[in-house]
Each structure stands twice: as structure tokens, then as C-alpha cells.
C-alpha atoms as a PDB file:
ATOM      1  CA  UNK A   1      16.728 -83.947  29.301  1.00  0.00           C
ATOM      2  CA  UNK A   2      19.366 -83.479  26.642  1.00  0.00           C
ATOM      3  CA  UNK A   3      20.012 -80.139  24.964  1.00  0.00           C
ATOM      4  CA  UNK A   4      18.827 -81.552  21.665  1.00  0.00           C
ATOM      5  CA  UNK A   5      15.476 -82.669  23.101  1.00  0.00           C
ATOM      6  CA  UNK A   6      14.908 -79.364  24.891  1.00  0.00           C
ATOM      7  CA  UNK A   7      15.856 -77.396  21.787  1.00  0.00           C
ATOM      8  CA  UNK A   8      13.596 -79.460  19.553  1.00  0.00           C
ATOM      9  CA  UNK A   9      10.627 -79.186  21.909  1.00  0.00           C
ATOM     10  CA  UNK A  10      11.126 -75.451  22.354  1.00  0.00           C
ATOM     11  CA  UNK A  11      11.479 -74.785  18.642  1.00  0.00           C
ATOM     12  CA  UNK A  12       8.373 -76.803  17.852  1.00  0.00           C
ATOM     13  CA  UNK A  13       6.416 -74.896  20.467  1.00  0.00           C
ATOM     14  CA  UNK A  14       7.650 -71.516  19.212  1.00  0.00           C
ATOM     15  CA  UNK A  15       7.016 -72.432  15.576  1.00  0.00           C
ATOM     16  CA  UNK A  16       3.454 -73.508  16.377  1.00  0.00           C
ATOM     17  CA  UNK A  17       2.590 -70.101  17.724  1.00  0.00           C
ATOM     18  CA  UNK A  18       1.125 -68.101  14.897  1.00  0.00           C
ATOM     19  CA  UNK A  19      -0.034 -64.978  16.681  1.00  0.00           C
ATOM     20  CA  UNK A  20      -3.459 -65.439  15.066  1.00  0.00           C
ATOM     21  CA  UNK A  21      -6.537 -63.501  16.084  1.00  0.00           C
ATOM     22  CA  UNK A  22      -7.717 -66.341  18.345  1.00  0.00           C
ATOM     23  CA  UNK A  23      -5.025 -65.525  20.885  1.00  0.00           C
ATOM     24  CA  UNK A  24      -5.630 -63.334  23.892  1.00  0.00           C
ATOM     25  CA  UNK A  25      -5.050 -59.611  23.463  1.00  0.00           C
ATOM     26  CA  UNK A  26      -1.682 -58.315  24.660  1.00  0.00           C
ATOM     27  CA  UNK A  27      -1.372 -57.455  28.315  1.00  0.00           C
ATOM     28  CA  UNK A  28      -1.457 -53.797  29.294  1.00  0.00           C
ATOM     29  CA  UNK A  29       1.953 -52.144  29.158  1.00  0.00           C
ATOM     30  CA  UNK A  30       2.243 -51.998  32.946  1.00  0.00           C
ATOM     31  CA  UNK A  31       1.815 -55.789  33.218  1.00  0.00           C
ATOM     32  CA  UNK A  32       4.343 -56.719  30.520  1.00  0.00           C
ATOM     33  CA  UNK A  33       7.405 -58.410  31.949  1.00  0.00           C
ATOM     34  CA  UNK A  34      10.773 -56.800  31.191  1.00  0.00           C
ATOM     35  CA  UNK A  35      12.882 -58.283  28.425  1.00  0.00           C
ATOM     36  CA  UNK A  36      15.717 -60.598  29.241  1.00  0.00           C
ATOM     37  CA  UNK A  37      18.814 -58.867  30.613  1.00  0.00           C
ATOM     38  CA  UNK A  38      20.774 -60.715  27.929  1.00  0.00           C
ATOM     39  CA  UNK A  39      19.432 -58.277  25.327  1.00  0.00           C
ATOM     40  CA  UNK A  40      21.852 -55.644  26.594  1.00  0.00           C
ATOM     41  CA  UNK A  41      24.921 -57.867  26.182  1.00  0.00           C
ATOM     42  CA  UNK A  42      26.755 -57.232  22.873  1.00  0.00           C
ATOM     43  CA  UNK A  43      26.838 -60.894  21.762  1.00  0.00           C
ATOM     44  CA  UNK A  44      23.126 -61.448  22.276  1.00  0.00           C
ATOM     45  CA  UNK A  45      22.173 -58.018  20.907  1.00  0.00           C
ATOM     46  CA  UNK A  46      24.157 -58.879  17.764  1.00  0.00           C
ATOM     47  CA  UNK A  47      22.336 -62.220  17.420  1.00  0.00           C
ATOM     48  CA  UNK A  48      18.971 -60.467  17.789  1.00  0.00           C
ATOM     49  CA  UNK A  49      19.831 -57.800  15.194  1.00  0.00           C
ATOM     50  CA  UNK A  50      21.246 -60.269  12.664  1.00  0.00           C
ATOM     51  CA  UNK A  51      18.404 -62.771  13.017  1.00  0.00           C
ATOM     52  CA  UNK A  52      15.817 -59.998  12.650  1.00  0.00           C
ATOM     53  CA  UNK A  53      17.499 -58.567   9.564  1.00  0.00           C
ATOM     54  CA  UNK A  54      17.944 -61.989   7.934  1.00  0.00           C
ATOM     55  CA  UNK A  55      14.342 -62.907   8.726  1.00  0.00           C
ATOM     56  CA  UNK A  56      13.095 -59.771   6.985  1.00  0.00           C
ATOM     57  CA  UNK A  57      15.247 -60.630   3.976  1.00  0.00           C
ATOM     58  CA  UNK A  58      13.821 -64.166   3.829  1.00  0.00           C
ATOM     59  CA  UNK A  59      10.268 -62.832   4.063  1.00  0.00           C
ATOM     60  CA  UNK A  60      10.945 -60.624   1.030  1.00  0.00           C
ATOM     61  CA  UNK A  61      11.948 -63.627  -1.098  1.00  0.00           C
ATOM     62  CA  UNK A  62       8.729 -65.603  -0.691  1.00  0.00           C
ATOM     63  CA  UNK A  63       6.958 -66.048  -4.009  1.00  0.00           C
ATOM     64  CA  UNK A  64       9.932 -64.755  -6.016  1.00  0.00           C
ATOM     65  CA  UNK A  65      13.009 -66.327  -7.599  1.00  0.00           C
ATOM     66  CA  UNK A  66      16.031 -66.219  -5.306  1.00  0.00           C
ATOM     67  CA  UNK A  67      18.424 -63.407  -6.220  1.00  0.00           C
ATOM     68  CA  UNK A  68      21.665 -65.262  -6.912  1.00  0.00           C
ATOM     69  CA  UNK A  69      24.198 -62.691  -5.695  1.00  0.00           C
ATOM     70  CA  UNK A  70      22.195 -61.695  -2.628  1.00  0.00           C
ATOM     71  CA  UNK A  71      21.582 -65.332  -1.716  1.00  0.00           C
ATOM     72  CA  UNK A  72      25.305 -66.098  -1.848  1.00  0.00           C
ATOM     73  CA  UNK A  73      25.972 -63.279   0.622  1.00  0.00           C
ATOM     74  CA  UNK A  74      22.973 -64.371   2.699  1.00  0.00           C
ATOM     75  CA  UNK A  75      24.431 -67.878   3.071  1.00  0.00           C
ATOM     76  CA  UNK A  76      27.589 -66.411   4.585  1.00  0.00           C
ATOM     77  CA  UNK A  77      25.549 -64.282   6.972  1.00  0.00           C
ATOM     78  CA  UNK A  78      23.518 -67.312   8.086  1.00  0.00           C
ATOM     79  CA  UNK A  79      26.770 -69.193   8.761  1.00  0.00           C
ATOM     80  CA  UNK A  80      28.009 -66.272  10.850  1.00  0.00           C
ATOM     81  CA  UNK A  81      24.723 -66.212  12.795  1.00  0.00           C
ATOM     82  CA  UNK A  82      24.941 -69.961  13.436  1.00  0.00           C
ATOM     83  CA  UNK A  83      28.466 -69.453  14.811  1.00  0.00           C
ATOM     84  CA  UNK A  84      27.224 -66.635  17.056  1.00  0.00           C
ATOM     85  CA  UNK A  85      24.402 -68.826  18.338  1.00  0.00           C
ATOM     86  CA  UNK A  86      26.930 -71.521  19.215  1.00  0.00           C
ATOM     87  CA  UNK A  87      29.080 -68.888  20.917  1.00  0.00           C
ATOM     88  CA  UNK A  88      25.997 -67.842  22.908  1.00  0.00           C
ATOM     89  CA  UNK A  89      25.474 -71.480  23.895  1.00  0.00           C
ATOM     90  CA  UNK A  90      29.090 -71.810  25.048  1.00  0.00           C
ATOM     91  CA  UNK A  91      28.935 -68.484  26.916  1.00  0.00           C
ATOM     92  CA  UNK A  92      25.841 -69.525  28.849  1.00  0.00           C
ATOM     93  CA  UNK A  93      27.279 -72.978  29.508  1.00  0.00           C
ATOM     94  CA  UNK A  94      30.510 -71.455  30.882  1.00  0.00           C
ATOM     95  CA  UNK A  95      28.423 -69.260  33.201  1.00  0.00           C
ATOM     96  CA  UNK A  96      26.784 -72.373  34.565  1.00  0.00           C
ATOM     97  CA  UNK A  97      23.392 -71.220  33.393  1.00  0.00           C
ATOM     98  CA  UNK A  98      20.889 -73.958  34.129  1.00  0.00           C
ATOM     99  CA  UNK A  99      18.207 -72.701  31.755  1.00  0.00           C
ATOM    100  CA  UNK A 100      16.978 -74.032  28.444  1.00  0.00           C
ATOM    101  CA  UNK A 101      18.302 -71.059  26.456  1.00  0.00           C
ATOM    102  CA  UNK A 102      21.792 -72.488  26.113  1.00  0.00           C
ATOM    103  CA  UNK A 103      20.339 -75.685  24.626  1.00  0.00           C
ATOM    104  CA  UNK A 104      17.960 -73.781  22.362  1.00  0.00           C
ATOM    105  CA  UNK A 105      20.803 -71.637  21.000  1.00  0.00           C
ATOM    106  CA  UNK A 106      22.788 -74.782  20.261  1.00  0.00           C
ATOM    107  CA  UNK A 107      19.790 -76.271  18.460  1.00  0.00           C
ATOM    108  CA  UNK A 108      19.269 -73.125  16.396  1.00  0.00           C
ATOM    109  CA  UNK A 109      22.961 -73.098  15.521  1.00  0.00           C
ATOM    110  CA  UNK A 110      22.672 -76.659  14.238  1.00  0.00           C
ATOM    111  CA  UNK A 111      19.312 -76.105  12.472  1.00  0.00           C
ATOM    112  CA  UNK A 112      20.183 -72.928  10.544  1.00  0.00           C
ATOM    113  CA  UNK A 113      22.436 -74.691   8.001  1.00  0.00           C
ATOM    114  CA  UNK A 114      19.817 -77.436   7.546  1.00  0.00           C
ATOM    115  CA  UNK A 115      17.020 -74.935   6.858  1.00  0.00           C
ATOM    116  CA  UNK A 116      19.290 -73.040   4.454  1.00  0.00           C
ATOM    117  CA  UNK A 117      20.125 -76.271   2.615  1.00  0.00           C
ATOM    118  CA  UNK A 118      16.396 -77.023   2.298  1.00  0.00           C
ATOM    119  CA  UNK A 119      15.933 -73.657   0.563  1.00  0.00           C
ATOM    120  CA  UNK A 120      18.811 -74.401  -1.815  1.00  0.00           C
ATOM    121  CA  UNK A 121      17.650 -77.941  -2.570  1.00  0.00           C
ATOM    122  CA  UNK A 122      13.972 -77.109  -3.106  1.00  0.00           C
ATOM    123  CA  UNK A 123      12.734 -78.818  -6.266  1.00  0.00           C
ATOM    124  CA  UNK A 124      10.222 -76.131  -7.228  1.00  0.00           C
ATOM    125  CA  UNK A 125       9.016 -72.647  -6.203  1.00  0.00           C
ATOM    126  CA  UNK A 126       6.349 -74.059  -3.892  1.00  0.00           C
ATOM    127  CA  UNK A 127       8.868 -76.214  -2.018  1.00  0.00           C
ATOM    128  CA  UNK A 128      11.279 -73.267  -1.872  1.00  0.00           C
ATOM    129  CA  UNK A 129       8.597 -71.019  -0.378  1.00  0.00           C
ATOM    130  CA  UNK A 130       7.805 -73.682   2.236  1.00  0.00           C
ATOM    131  CA  UNK A 131      11.510 -73.927   3.088  1.00  0.00           C
ATOM    132  CA  UNK A 132      11.717 -70.118   3.286  1.00  0.00           C
ATOM    133  CA  UNK A 133       8.783 -70.103   5.726  1.00  0.00           C
ATOM    134  CA  UNK A 134      10.586 -72.656   7.917  1.00  0.00           C
ATOM    135  CA  UNK A 135      13.782 -70.606   7.817  1.00  0.00           C
ATOM    136  CA  UNK A 136      11.834 -67.441   8.622  1.00  0.00           C
ATOM    137  CA  UNK A 137      10.253 -69.130  11.669  1.00  0.00           C
ATOM    138  CA  UNK A 138      13.642 -70.289  12.909  1.00  0.00           C
ATOM    139  CA  UNK A 139      15.097 -66.788  12.557  1.00  0.00           C
ATOM    140  CA  UNK A 140      12.092 -65.314  14.388  1.00  0.00           C
ATOM    141  CA  UNK A 141      12.503 -67.924  17.123  1.00  0.00           C
ATOM    142  CA  UNK A 142      16.169 -66.936  17.379  1.00  0.00           C
ATOM    143  CA  UNK A 143      15.081 -63.435  18.358  1.00  0.00           C
ATOM    144  CA  UNK A 144      12.200 -64.464  20.612  1.00  0.00           C
ATOM    145  CA  UNK A 145      14.069 -66.980  22.756  1.00  0.00           C
ATOM    146  CA  UNK A 146      16.658 -64.358  23.690  1.00  0.00           C
ATOM    147  CA  UNK A 147      14.258 -61.447  24.215  1.00  0.00           C
ATOM    148  CA  UNK A 148      11.758 -63.462  26.281  1.00  0.00           C
ATOM    149  CA  UNK A 149      11.769 -62.544  29.959  1.00  0.00           C
ATOM    150  CA  UNK A 150      13.578 -65.091  32.106  1.00  0.00           C
ATOM    151  CA  UNK A 151      11.300 -67.837  33.384  1.00  0.00           C
ATOM    152  CA  UNK A 152      11.355 -68.832  37.041  1.00  0.00           C
ATOM    153  CA  UNK A 153      13.290 -72.033  37.805  1.00  0.00           C
ATOM    154  CA  UNK A 154      11.228 -75.198  37.584  1.00  0.00           C
END
């Protein structure tokens, strides 16, 4: 399966998860799997921190006009994050990693500018809020795919 197909399927699955009350309660602390070892590597820790910070910023803009100066700086930060995601993809590819994460990071890197453009091009506040929600989900997914414990090989 191509990286694009894996990334698209993974992002759709992650975006569909809402964490609503109909989900099972969290497992007891003793049964929770450890986070991915990647979280301790500087590149991936930086991606996690940036995506989390940018996601919180996006969440604060919902229902409000976009602050012009802050949004201009935000666009640059999203571009930097997309470049880091691509660097993460290349790093994992060079290691010969056979997991989906390298493909997902590539997909996120390619999708971030598209989601940002959708926010910019929104015709009205409702469309902008919908685009902000999509961008927020992608940024959250960016954190979750790296912090998720490694899955056993299939």
C-alpha cells in the first residue's frame, strides 16, 4: 500500500475518533502501554510540542475573527512544522522503519498547507470555523501518531 493511501486511511481513522462518552473508560494506569520511544528523540519531541501549541492556538480562534498579525506568524510556524514532519518521514525511511508512521508523517506534512489554505480561503465565519476544526484535528493527529505506543508488526 502506498504511503499516501496509508496516511489517508490513518488520518481518517484518527479524525473520526471523538473521545465521546460512548467510548470505553480509560484502562487502569498499570495496563496503559508506554509511549513510543520516539517521544524522547529531539526531532519528534519538537514536532509534538509544536503541533500541540499550534493546535491550542487554532482552538482559541474558533468563533472569532482571525487576528491578522498572529495568523501571519502562525502560517510560518505551520510551514516549519510541515517541514519537520517531512524530516521525520525521511528519518524513519532512512532507518528502514517498516511502519506506517513514516507514511503518516509524510501525509501530515502534505496536508498541513492544504488545511491552512482552507482556513485562509473560507468564504464566511462558518466555513472558517469548519476549516479550523479540520486543522485542529490534523494537529492533534500529529501528536497522537507519534506518542502512540508502537504496534506489533502485522
